[in-house]
Amino acid sequence: MSDEQRPPGPGPGHAPEPGREPGREPGGAPRTDPAAAAPPGSRSFAVGAPLSQLRRPVPQVGDERQEAEAGTSASFYEQVGGHETFVKLVHEFYARVAEDERFRALYPDDDLGPAEERLRMFLEQYWGGPTTYSEQRGHPRLRMRHMPFPVDVWARETWLKHMRAALDTLELSPLHDGIIWDYFDRAAHAMINRPG
């Protein structure tokens, strides 16, 4: 067999490339057998396949993500229990605010009831429920609405502490809890408007 007919790669009279281990791709990644079966639940498709041939992985029974992303049109709001869930969350949050004298002082009204209602309406709308908040108050403009109040790192961390405790009372699935907590964490960071 001439050199032109010989397949590339290790073989008689062919040394591996310097710095490359046998059975490995350049860069050190293990060489894989494209004919080997893919792990369960993973996506597999031929390179260059038309997009119309790509399919979502077959969901596994009991897969929490499958339940959260079910083919139904259920919003996050509906998935977590709807109105009652947000009433409880916000009530539990403001009960903790009322007990925290230093943090409570950041709220200008003597009665926390209107603030509780506004937060509930906002969260319901944000997560796919009724649009009552926008109908009554217009665009949320959260950062602008919080500008008159001193929101520093301490205020953010205190708000998050009380919201975490309130969220824990709901006993949501880990996936739903993680999704809503990620939002609260990012939103609280965005509200900071004072150094410290």
N, C-alpha and C. Protein backbone atom coordinates (compact mmCIF):
# COMPACT_ATOMS: atom_id res chain seq x y z
N MET A 1 0.86 -1.17 0.00
CA MET A 1 0.00 0.00 0.00
C MET A 1 0.90 1.22 0.00
N SER A 2 0.65 2.13 -0.92
CA SER A 2 1.46 3.34 -0.98
C SER A 2 1.01 4.32 0.09
N ASP A 3 1.86 5.32 0.36
CA ASP A 3 1.51 6.34 1.36
C ASP A 3 0.23 7.07 0.99
N GLU A 4 -0.04 7.21 -0.30
CA GLU A 4 -1.25 7.93 -0.74
C GLU A 4 -2.50 7.11 -0.45
N GLN A 5 -2.38 5.77 -0.41
CA GLN A 5 -3.54 4.92 -0.18
C GLN A 5 -3.74 4.61 1.29
N ARG A 6 -2.72 4.81 2.12
CA ARG A 6 -2.78 4.45 3.53
C ARG A 6 -3.68 5.45 4.26
N PRO A 7 -4.65 4.96 5.08
CA PRO A 7 -5.48 5.89 5.85
C PRO A 7 -4.63 6.59 6.90
N PRO A 8 -4.95 7.84 7.21
CA PRO A 8 -4.18 8.55 8.23
C PRO A 8 -4.39 7.91 9.59
N GLY A 9 -3.48 8.16 10.48
CA GLY A 9 -3.63 7.68 11.84
C GLY A 9 -2.57 6.67 12.18
N PRO A 10 -2.56 6.21 13.44
CA PRO A 10 -1.55 5.26 13.87
C PRO A 10 -1.67 3.96 13.10
N GLY A 11 -0.58 3.41 12.81
CA GLY A 11 -0.54 2.14 12.10
C GLY A 11 0.91 1.77 11.92
N PRO A 12 1.16 0.69 11.22
CA PRO A 12 2.54 0.28 11.01
C PRO A 12 3.32 1.38 10.30
N GLY A 13 4.39 1.77 10.88
CA GLY A 13 5.25 2.79 10.29
C GLY A 13 4.71 4.20 10.43
N HIS A 14 3.68 4.42 11.25
CA HIS A 14 3.10 5.76 11.41
C HIS A 14 3.13 6.13 12.89
N ALA A 15 3.86 7.17 13.21
CA ALA A 15 3.96 7.61 14.61
C ALA A 15 2.82 8.58 14.91
N PRO A 16 2.26 8.54 16.15
CA PRO A 16 1.23 9.51 16.50
C PRO A 16 1.79 10.92 16.48
N GLU A 17 0.90 11.89 16.29
CA GLU A 17 1.32 13.28 16.28
C GLU A 17 1.95 13.63 17.62
N PRO A 18 3.00 14.47 17.61
CA PRO A 18 3.63 14.85 18.88
C PRO A 18 2.61 15.53 19.79
N GLY A 19 2.61 15.18 21.08
CA GLY A 19 1.72 15.80 22.07
C GLY A 19 0.29 15.26 22.01
N ARG A 20 0.05 14.21 21.23
CA ARG A 20 -1.31 13.67 21.11
C ARG A 20 -1.30 12.23 21.58
N GLU A 21 -2.15 11.94 22.54
CA GLU A 21 -2.24 10.58 23.05
C GLU A 21 -3.08 9.74 22.10
N PRO A 22 -2.73 8.46 21.95
CA PRO A 22 -3.58 7.59 21.14
C PRO A 22 -4.99 7.54 21.74
N GLY A 23 -6.02 7.51 20.88
CA GLY A 23 -7.40 7.45 21.36
C GLY A 23 -7.96 8.80 21.78
N ARG A 24 -7.23 9.88 21.51
CA ARG A 24 -7.68 11.22 21.90
C ARG A 24 -7.68 12.12 20.68
N GLU A 25 -8.57 13.08 20.70
CA GLU A 25 -8.64 14.09 19.66
C GLU A 25 -7.59 15.16 19.96
N PRO A 26 -7.25 16.00 18.97
CA PRO A 26 -6.35 17.13 19.27
C PRO A 26 -6.95 17.95 20.40
N GLY A 27 -6.15 18.37 21.32
CA GLY A 27 -6.63 19.12 22.48
C GLY A 27 -6.91 18.22 23.68
N GLY A 28 -6.83 16.91 23.51
CA GLY A 28 -6.95 16.01 24.64
C GLY A 28 -8.33 15.42 24.86
N ALA A 29 -9.35 15.82 24.09
CA ALA A 29 -10.69 15.27 24.28
C ALA A 29 -10.69 13.80 23.87
N PRO A 30 -11.42 12.95 24.61
CA PRO A 30 -11.45 11.54 24.24
C PRO A 30 -12.15 11.35 22.89
N ARG A 31 -11.63 10.44 22.11
CA ARG A 31 -12.25 10.14 20.82
C ARG A 31 -13.50 9.32 21.11
N THR A 32 -14.60 9.69 20.49
CA THR A 32 -15.85 8.98 20.72
C THR A 32 -16.27 8.24 19.47
N ASP A 33 -17.02 7.19 19.68
CA ASP A 33 -17.54 6.40 18.57
C ASP A 33 -18.90 6.98 18.19
N PRO A 34 -19.03 7.56 16.99
CA PRO A 34 -20.30 8.17 16.61
C PRO A 34 -21.43 7.16 16.51
N ALA A 35 -21.12 5.87 16.40
CA ALA A 35 -22.17 4.86 16.31
C ALA A 35 -22.65 4.42 17.69
N ALA A 36 -21.94 4.84 18.75
CA ALA A 36 -22.32 4.43 20.10
C ALA A 36 -23.65 5.08 20.47
N ALA A 37 -24.42 4.39 21.31
CA ALA A 37 -25.73 4.91 21.73
C ALA A 37 -25.54 6.13 22.61
N ALA A 38 -26.41 7.12 22.42
CA ALA A 38 -26.38 8.33 23.24
C ALA A 38 -26.97 8.01 24.60
N PRO A 39 -26.53 8.73 25.65
CA PRO A 39 -27.11 8.50 26.97
C PRO A 39 -28.60 8.80 26.95
N PRO A 40 -29.40 8.14 27.80
CA PRO A 40 -30.85 8.39 27.84
C PRO A 40 -31.13 9.87 28.12
N GLY A 41 -32.10 10.42 27.43
CA GLY A 41 -32.51 11.79 27.65
C GLY A 41 -31.68 12.83 26.93
N SER A 42 -30.59 12.41 26.25
CA SER A 42 -29.76 13.39 25.56
C SER A 42 -30.28 13.57 24.14
N ARG A 43 -29.92 14.70 23.57
CA ARG A 43 -30.32 14.97 22.19
C ARG A 43 -29.30 14.34 21.26
N SER A 44 -29.78 13.75 20.19
CA SER A 44 -28.86 13.24 19.19
C SER A 44 -29.46 13.52 17.82
N PHE A 45 -28.61 13.96 16.92
CA PHE A 45 -29.04 14.23 15.55
C PHE A 45 -27.81 14.24 14.67
N ALA A 46 -28.05 14.01 13.41
CA ALA A 46 -26.95 13.99 12.46
C ALA A 46 -26.50 15.42 12.19
N VAL A 47 -25.19 15.61 12.15
CA VAL A 47 -24.66 16.92 11.82
C VAL A 47 -25.12 17.26 10.42
N GLY A 48 -25.60 18.46 10.25
CA GLY A 48 -26.10 18.90 8.96
C GLY A 48 -27.55 18.54 8.72
N ALA A 49 -28.23 17.94 9.70
CA ALA A 49 -29.64 17.60 9.53
C ALA A 49 -30.46 18.88 9.48
N PRO A 50 -31.49 18.90 8.65
CA PRO A 50 -32.35 20.09 8.62
C PRO A 50 -33.00 20.32 9.97
N LEU A 51 -33.23 21.58 10.30
CA LEU A 51 -33.83 21.90 11.59
C LEU A 51 -35.16 21.20 11.78
N SER A 52 -35.89 20.97 10.70
CA SER A 52 -37.19 20.31 10.82
C SER A 52 -37.07 18.88 11.35
N GLN A 53 -35.86 18.30 11.26
CA GLN A 53 -35.67 16.94 11.75
C GLN A 53 -35.22 16.89 13.20
N LEU A 54 -34.87 18.03 13.78
CA LEU A 54 -34.43 18.05 15.17
C LEU A 54 -35.63 17.89 16.07
N ARG A 55 -35.51 17.11 17.08
CA ARG A 55 -36.60 16.85 18.02
C ARG A 55 -36.12 17.07 19.43
N ARG A 56 -37.04 17.49 20.30
CA ARG A 56 -36.72 17.61 21.72
C ARG A 56 -36.49 16.22 22.28
N PRO A 57 -35.67 16.10 23.32
CA PRO A 57 -35.45 14.78 23.91
C PRO A 57 -36.76 14.22 24.47
N VAL A 58 -36.87 12.92 24.47
CA VAL A 58 -38.05 12.28 25.03
C VAL A 58 -38.01 12.48 26.54
N PRO A 59 -39.05 13.12 27.12
CA PRO A 59 -39.04 13.36 28.57
C PRO A 59 -39.09 12.05 29.34
N GLN A 60 -38.44 12.05 30.47
CA GLN A 60 -38.45 10.90 31.35
C GLN A 60 -39.65 11.02 32.29
N VAL A 61 -40.26 9.90 32.65
CA VAL A 61 -41.39 9.91 33.56
C VAL A 61 -40.94 10.52 34.89
N GLY A 62 -41.72 11.44 35.42
CA GLY A 62 -41.39 12.06 36.70
C GLY A 62 -40.39 13.18 36.58
N ASP A 63 -39.98 13.51 35.38
CA ASP A 63 -39.02 14.58 35.19
C ASP A 63 -39.66 15.90 35.56
N GLU A 64 -39.12 16.56 36.58
CA GLU A 64 -39.70 17.81 37.08
C GLU A 64 -39.69 18.90 36.01
N ARG A 65 -38.64 18.94 35.23
CA ARG A 65 -38.58 19.95 34.17
C ARG A 65 -39.69 19.71 33.16
N GLN A 66 -39.96 18.46 32.86
CA GLN A 66 -41.04 18.14 31.92
C GLN A 66 -42.35 18.70 32.45
N GLU A 67 -42.60 18.52 33.73
CA GLU A 67 -43.84 19.02 34.31
C GLU A 67 -43.91 20.53 34.22
N ALA A 68 -42.79 21.21 34.47
CA ALA A 68 -42.77 22.67 34.44
C ALA A 68 -42.90 23.20 33.02
N GLU A 69 -42.40 22.44 32.04
CA GLU A 69 -42.44 22.89 30.65
C GLU A 69 -43.48 22.12 29.86
N ALA A 70 -44.47 21.56 30.54
CA ALA A 70 -45.47 20.73 29.88
C ALA A 70 -46.07 21.44 28.68
N GLY A 71 -46.53 20.64 27.74
CA GLY A 71 -47.08 21.18 26.51
C GLY A 71 -48.35 21.99 26.73
N THR A 72 -48.88 21.99 27.93
CA THR A 72 -50.07 22.80 28.17
C THR A 72 -49.67 24.26 28.15
N SER A 73 -50.63 25.11 28.07
CA SER A 73 -50.33 26.54 28.05
C SER A 73 -50.35 27.13 29.45
N ALA A 74 -50.20 26.29 30.46
CA ALA A 74 -50.22 26.77 31.84
C ALA A 74 -49.05 27.72 32.07
N SER A 75 -49.36 28.89 32.59
CA SER A 75 -48.32 29.86 32.92
C SER A 75 -47.65 29.45 34.22
N PHE A 76 -46.53 30.07 34.50
CA PHE A 76 -45.85 29.83 35.78
C PHE A 76 -46.83 30.12 36.91
N TYR A 77 -47.59 31.19 36.77
CA TYR A 77 -48.60 31.59 37.75
C TYR A 77 -49.53 30.41 38.06
N GLU A 78 -50.04 29.75 37.03
CA GLU A 78 -50.94 28.61 37.22
C GLU A 78 -50.20 27.40 37.78
N GLN A 79 -48.97 27.18 37.31
CA GLN A 79 -48.20 26.01 37.76
C GLN A 79 -47.94 26.04 39.26
N VAL A 80 -47.76 27.23 39.83
CA VAL A 80 -47.44 27.31 41.26
C VAL A 80 -48.67 27.47 42.14
N GLY A 81 -49.86 27.52 41.56
CA GLY A 81 -51.06 27.57 42.38
C GLY A 81 -51.90 28.82 42.22
N GLY A 82 -51.50 29.72 41.35
CA GLY A 82 -52.32 30.89 41.05
C GLY A 82 -52.44 31.90 42.19
N HIS A 83 -53.58 32.56 42.23
CA HIS A 83 -53.83 33.68 43.14
C HIS A 83 -53.50 33.35 44.60
N GLU A 84 -53.97 32.20 45.08
CA GLU A 84 -53.76 31.85 46.49
C GLU A 84 -52.28 31.79 46.85
N THR A 85 -51.47 31.29 45.94
CA THR A 85 -50.03 31.21 46.20
C THR A 85 -49.42 32.59 46.38
N PHE A 86 -49.79 33.53 45.52
CA PHE A 86 -49.21 34.87 45.60
C PHE A 86 -49.78 35.66 46.78
N VAL A 87 -51.04 35.41 47.13
CA VAL A 87 -51.59 36.04 48.34
C VAL A 87 -50.78 35.59 49.55
N LYS A 88 -50.54 34.28 49.66
CA LYS A 88 -49.79 33.76 50.81
C LYS A 88 -48.35 34.28 50.81
N LEU A 89 -47.68 34.23 49.67
CA LEU A 89 -46.29 34.68 49.59
C LEU A 89 -46.16 36.12 50.07
N VAL A 90 -46.97 37.00 49.53
CA VAL A 90 -46.86 38.42 49.85
C VAL A 90 -47.30 38.69 51.28
N HIS A 91 -48.32 38.00 51.76
CA HIS A 91 -48.75 38.19 53.15
C HIS A 91 -47.64 37.75 54.12
N GLU A 92 -47.03 36.60 53.84
CA GLU A 92 -45.93 36.12 54.69
C GLU A 92 -44.76 37.10 54.67
N PHE A 93 -44.47 37.65 53.50
CA PHE A 93 -43.38 38.62 53.39
C PHE A 93 -43.67 39.85 54.24
N TYR A 94 -44.85 40.45 54.09
CA TYR A 94 -45.15 41.68 54.83
C TYR A 94 -45.35 41.43 56.32
N ALA A 95 -45.71 40.24 56.72
CA ALA A 95 -45.76 39.92 58.15
C ALA A 95 -44.36 40.01 58.74
N ARG A 96 -43.36 39.59 57.99
CA ARG A 96 -41.97 39.68 58.46
C ARG A 96 -41.47 41.12 58.43
N VAL A 97 -41.87 41.87 57.41
CA VAL A 97 -41.50 43.29 57.34
C VAL A 97 -42.05 44.02 58.56
N ALA A 98 -43.30 43.75 58.91
CA ALA A 98 -43.94 44.43 60.04
C ALA A 98 -43.21 44.15 61.35
N GLU A 99 -42.61 42.98 61.48
CA GLU A 99 -41.90 42.61 62.71
C GLU A 99 -40.48 43.15 62.77
N ASP A 100 -39.95 43.63 61.66
CA ASP A 100 -38.58 44.12 61.58
C ASP A 100 -38.59 45.64 61.67
N GLU A 101 -38.41 46.17 62.87
CA GLU A 101 -38.56 47.61 63.11
C GLU A 101 -37.68 48.47 62.20
N ARG A 102 -36.42 48.10 62.07
CA ARG A 102 -35.52 48.91 61.25
C ARG A 102 -35.92 48.89 59.77
N PHE A 103 -36.25 47.71 59.25
CA PHE A 103 -36.63 47.60 57.85
C PHE A 103 -38.01 48.21 57.61
N ARG A 104 -38.91 48.05 58.56
CA ARG A 104 -40.27 48.59 58.45
C ARG A 104 -40.23 50.10 58.27
N ALA A 105 -39.23 50.75 58.85
CA ALA A 105 -39.11 52.21 58.77
C ALA A 105 -38.89 52.70 57.33
N LEU A 106 -38.48 51.82 56.43
CA LEU A 106 -38.29 52.21 55.03
C LEU A 106 -39.62 52.39 54.30
N TYR A 107 -40.69 51.85 54.86
CA TYR A 107 -42.01 51.95 54.23
C TYR A 107 -42.72 53.19 54.77
N PRO A 108 -43.11 54.12 53.87
CA PRO A 108 -43.66 55.40 54.33
C PRO A 108 -45.06 55.32 54.93
N ASP A 109 -45.86 54.36 54.54
CA ASP A 109 -47.24 54.30 55.02
C ASP A 109 -47.32 53.60 56.37
N ASP A 110 -48.27 54.07 57.20
CA ASP A 110 -48.51 53.40 58.47
C ASP A 110 -49.09 52.01 58.23
N ASP A 111 -49.89 51.90 57.19
CA ASP A 111 -50.55 50.65 56.87
C ASP A 111 -49.81 49.97 55.72
N LEU A 112 -49.34 48.75 55.94
CA LEU A 112 -48.63 48.02 54.88
C LEU A 112 -49.59 47.38 53.88
N GLY A 113 -50.88 47.44 54.15
CA GLY A 113 -51.88 46.81 53.29
C GLY A 113 -51.78 47.21 51.83
N PRO A 114 -51.72 48.53 51.52
CA PRO A 114 -51.61 48.91 50.11
C PRO A 114 -50.32 48.41 49.44
N ALA A 115 -49.21 48.42 50.17
CA ALA A 115 -47.95 47.90 49.62
C ALA A 115 -48.08 46.40 49.35
N GLU A 116 -48.74 45.70 50.26
CA GLU A 116 -48.95 44.26 50.08
C GLU A 116 -49.78 43.99 48.83
N GLU A 117 -50.83 44.77 48.63
CA GLU A 117 -51.69 44.58 47.46
C GLU A 117 -50.92 44.88 46.16
N ARG A 118 -50.12 45.95 46.17
CA ARG A 118 -49.36 46.30 44.97
C ARG A 118 -48.35 45.21 44.61
N LEU A 119 -47.63 44.70 45.61
CA LEU A 119 -46.65 43.66 45.34
C LEU A 119 -47.34 42.39 44.82
N ARG A 120 -48.46 42.02 45.43
CA ARG A 120 -49.18 40.83 44.97
C ARG A 120 -49.62 41.00 43.52
N MET A 121 -50.22 42.15 43.19
CA MET A 121 -50.68 42.38 41.81
C MET A 121 -49.51 42.35 40.83
N PHE A 122 -48.40 42.98 41.23
CA PHE A 122 -47.22 42.99 40.35
C PHE A 122 -46.72 41.57 40.10
N LEU A 123 -46.54 40.78 41.16
CA LEU A 123 -46.01 39.43 41.01
C LEU A 123 -46.96 38.54 40.21
N GLU A 124 -48.25 38.68 40.45
CA GLU A 124 -49.22 37.89 39.68
C GLU A 124 -49.08 38.20 38.19
N GLN A 125 -49.00 39.47 37.86
CA GLN A 125 -48.87 39.86 36.45
C GLN A 125 -47.55 39.38 35.88
N TYR A 126 -46.46 39.57 36.62
CA TYR A 126 -45.14 39.19 36.13
C TYR A 126 -45.08 37.70 35.78
N TRP A 127 -45.71 36.87 36.61
CA TRP A 127 -45.62 35.42 36.44
C TRP A 127 -46.76 34.85 35.58
N GLY A 128 -47.52 35.71 34.91
CA GLY A 128 -48.50 35.21 33.94
C GLY A 128 -49.94 35.23 34.40
N GLY A 129 -50.23 35.91 35.51
CA GLY A 129 -51.60 36.00 36.00
C GLY A 129 -52.30 37.24 35.48
N PRO A 130 -53.31 37.71 36.19
CA PRO A 130 -54.08 38.87 35.75
C PRO A 130 -53.19 40.11 35.58
N THR A 131 -53.58 40.98 34.68
CA THR A 131 -52.82 42.20 34.38
C THR A 131 -53.35 43.40 35.18
N THR A 132 -53.92 43.14 36.31
CA THR A 132 -54.52 44.19 37.14
C THR A 132 -53.51 45.27 37.51
N TYR A 133 -52.28 44.89 37.78
CA TYR A 133 -51.27 45.88 38.17
C TYR A 133 -51.15 46.96 37.11
N SER A 134 -50.91 46.58 35.87
CA SER A 134 -50.74 47.56 34.80
C SER A 134 -52.03 48.33 34.53
N GLU A 135 -53.16 47.67 34.65
CA GLU A 135 -54.44 48.35 34.43
C GLU A 135 -54.64 49.46 35.45
N GLN A 136 -54.21 49.24 36.69
CA GLN A 136 -54.40 50.23 37.75
C GLN A 136 -53.24 51.21 37.89
N ARG A 137 -52.03 50.76 37.61
CA ARG A 137 -50.86 51.58 37.92
C ARG A 137 -49.95 51.88 36.72
N GLY A 138 -50.24 51.32 35.57
CA GLY A 138 -49.39 51.56 34.41
C GLY A 138 -48.18 50.64 34.43
N HIS A 139 -47.17 51.03 33.66
CA HIS A 139 -45.94 50.24 33.56
C HIS A 139 -45.28 50.13 34.93
N PRO A 140 -44.76 48.95 35.28
CA PRO A 140 -44.17 48.79 36.62
C PRO A 140 -43.02 49.74 36.94
N ARG A 141 -42.09 49.98 36.02
CA ARG A 141 -40.95 50.87 36.26
C ARG A 141 -40.40 50.71 37.68
N LEU A 142 -40.02 49.51 38.02
CA LEU A 142 -39.61 49.20 39.39
C LEU A 142 -38.49 50.09 39.91
N ARG A 143 -37.46 50.25 39.14
CA ARG A 143 -36.32 51.05 39.62
C ARG A 143 -36.74 52.49 39.88
N MET A 144 -37.52 53.07 38.97
CA MET A 144 -37.98 54.44 39.15
C MET A 144 -38.87 54.56 40.40
N ARG A 145 -39.76 53.61 40.60
CA ARG A 145 -40.67 53.67 41.75
C ARG A 145 -39.93 53.50 43.08
N HIS A 146 -38.77 52.85 43.06
CA HIS A 146 -38.00 52.67 44.29
C HIS A 146 -36.97 53.77 44.53
N MET A 147 -36.78 54.65 43.57
CA MET A 147 -35.76 55.69 43.68
C MET A 147 -35.94 56.60 44.91
N PRO A 148 -37.15 56.95 45.31
CA PRO A 148 -37.29 57.82 46.49
C PRO A 148 -36.88 57.16 47.82
N PHE A 149 -36.73 55.84 47.80
CA PHE A 149 -36.42 55.11 49.03
C PHE A 149 -34.96 54.68 49.03
N PRO A 150 -34.28 54.81 50.16
CA PRO A 150 -32.86 54.44 50.21
C PRO A 150 -32.68 52.91 50.18
N VAL A 151 -32.32 52.40 49.03
CA VAL A 151 -32.09 50.96 48.89
C VAL A 151 -30.59 50.74 48.74
N ASP A 152 -29.98 50.28 49.82
CA ASP A 152 -28.55 49.97 49.81
C ASP A 152 -28.38 48.46 49.95
N VAL A 153 -27.15 48.01 50.14
CA VAL A 153 -26.89 46.57 50.24
C VAL A 153 -27.63 45.98 51.44
N TRP A 154 -27.63 46.70 52.57
CA TRP A 154 -28.34 46.19 53.75
C TRP A 154 -29.83 46.02 53.46
N ALA A 155 -30.45 47.02 52.82
CA ALA A 155 -31.88 46.94 52.51
C ALA A 155 -32.15 45.78 51.55
N ARG A 156 -31.30 45.62 50.56
CA ARG A 156 -31.46 44.51 49.61
C ARG A 156 -31.38 43.18 50.34
N GLU A 157 -30.35 42.99 51.17
CA GLU A 157 -30.17 41.72 51.87
C GLU A 157 -31.31 41.45 52.85
N THR A 158 -31.81 42.50 53.49
CA THR A 158 -32.93 42.33 54.42
C THR A 158 -34.19 41.95 53.66
N TRP A 159 -34.43 42.63 52.54
CA TRP A 159 -35.60 42.30 51.71
C TRP A 159 -35.51 40.84 51.28
N LEU A 160 -34.34 40.43 50.81
CA LEU A 160 -34.17 39.04 50.37
C LEU A 160 -34.35 38.05 51.52
N LYS A 161 -33.87 38.40 52.70
CA LYS A 161 -34.03 37.51 53.86
C LYS A 161 -35.51 37.27 54.15
N HIS A 162 -36.30 38.34 54.17
CA HIS A 162 -37.73 38.20 54.46
C HIS A 162 -38.46 37.48 53.32
N MET A 163 -38.07 37.76 52.09
CA MET A 163 -38.72 37.09 50.96
C MET A 163 -38.35 35.61 50.92
N ARG A 164 -37.10 35.27 51.27
CA ARG A 164 -36.70 33.86 51.30
C ARG A 164 -37.55 33.10 52.33
N ALA A 165 -37.72 33.70 53.51
CA ALA A 165 -38.53 33.06 54.55
C ALA A 165 -39.98 32.90 54.09
N ALA A 166 -40.51 33.91 53.42
CA ALA A 166 -41.89 33.84 52.92
C ALA A 166 -42.01 32.77 51.84
N LEU A 167 -41.04 32.72 50.94
CA LEU A 167 -41.06 31.74 49.86
C LEU A 167 -40.98 30.32 50.41
N ASP A 168 -40.23 30.12 51.48
CA ASP A 168 -40.11 28.79 52.08
C ASP A 168 -41.44 28.27 52.61
N THR A 169 -42.36 29.17 52.97
CA THR A 169 -43.67 28.72 53.47
C THR A 169 -44.53 28.11 52.37
N LEU A 170 -44.19 28.37 51.11
CA LEU A 170 -45.00 27.86 49.99
C LEU A 170 -44.71 26.41 49.66
N GLU A 171 -43.52 25.93 50.00
CA GLU A 171 -43.12 24.56 49.71
C GLU A 171 -43.31 24.23 48.23
N LEU A 172 -42.79 25.09 47.36
CA LEU A 172 -42.85 24.86 45.92
C LEU A 172 -41.87 23.76 45.54
N SER A 173 -42.02 23.24 44.33
CA SER A 173 -41.04 22.27 43.84
C SER A 173 -39.69 22.98 43.76
N PRO A 174 -38.59 22.24 43.84
CA PRO A 174 -37.28 22.89 43.74
C PRO A 174 -37.11 23.70 42.45
N LEU A 175 -37.65 23.21 41.35
CA LEU A 175 -37.53 23.93 40.09
C LEU A 175 -38.28 25.26 40.15
N HIS A 176 -39.53 25.25 40.58
CA HIS A 176 -40.31 26.49 40.66
C HIS A 176 -39.71 27.45 41.68
N ASP A 177 -39.28 26.92 42.82
CA ASP A 177 -38.65 27.75 43.84
C ASP A 177 -37.40 28.42 43.26
N GLY A 178 -36.59 27.64 42.55
CA GLY A 178 -35.36 28.19 41.97
C GLY A 178 -35.63 29.27 40.95
N ILE A 179 -36.66 29.08 40.14
CA ILE A 179 -37.00 30.07 39.12
C ILE A 179 -37.43 31.38 39.77
N ILE A 180 -38.32 31.30 40.74
CA ILE A 180 -38.82 32.53 41.36
C ILE A 180 -37.73 33.19 42.21
N TRP A 181 -36.90 32.36 42.87
CA TRP A 181 -35.84 32.95 43.69
C TRP A 181 -34.80 33.66 42.83
N ASP A 182 -34.48 33.09 41.70
CA ASP A 182 -33.53 33.73 40.79
C ASP A 182 -34.04 35.12 40.40
N TYR A 183 -35.33 35.21 40.11
CA TYR A 183 -35.90 36.51 39.77
C TYR A 183 -35.79 37.48 40.95
N PHE A 184 -36.17 37.05 42.14
CA PHE A 184 -36.12 37.94 43.30
C PHE A 184 -34.69 38.42 43.55
N ASP A 185 -33.75 37.52 43.45
CA ASP A 185 -32.35 37.88 43.69
C ASP A 185 -31.88 38.94 42.69
N ARG A 186 -32.15 38.72 41.41
CA ARG A 186 -31.73 39.69 40.40
C ARG A 186 -32.47 41.02 40.55
N ALA A 187 -33.77 40.96 40.80
CA ALA A 187 -34.55 42.19 40.94
C ALA A 187 -34.07 43.00 42.14
N ALA A 188 -33.79 42.33 43.25
CA ALA A 188 -33.33 43.04 44.45
C ALA A 188 -31.99 43.72 44.19
N HIS A 189 -31.12 43.08 43.46
CA HIS A 189 -29.83 43.70 43.13
C HIS A 189 -30.04 44.93 42.25
N ALA A 190 -31.00 44.87 41.36
CA ALA A 190 -31.25 45.99 40.44
C ALA A 190 -31.87 47.20 41.15
N MET A 191 -32.45 47.02 42.32
CA MET A 191 -33.10 48.12 43.03
C MET A 191 -32.13 48.99 43.83
N ILE A 192 -30.90 48.53 44.01
CA ILE A 192 -29.93 49.32 44.80
C ILE A 192 -29.75 50.68 44.15
N ASN A 193 -29.93 51.73 44.97
CA ASN A 193 -29.79 53.10 44.46
C ASN A 193 -28.96 53.99 45.38
N ARG A 194 -28.34 53.39 46.38
CA ARG A 194 -27.49 54.12 47.31
C ARG A 194 -26.24 53.30 47.59
N PRO A 195 -25.10 53.95 47.81
CA PRO A 195 -23.90 53.18 48.18
C PRO A 195 -24.06 52.60 49.58
N GLY A 196 -23.30 51.57 49.84
CA GLY A 196 -23.28 51.03 51.20
C GLY A 196 -24.00 49.80 51.39
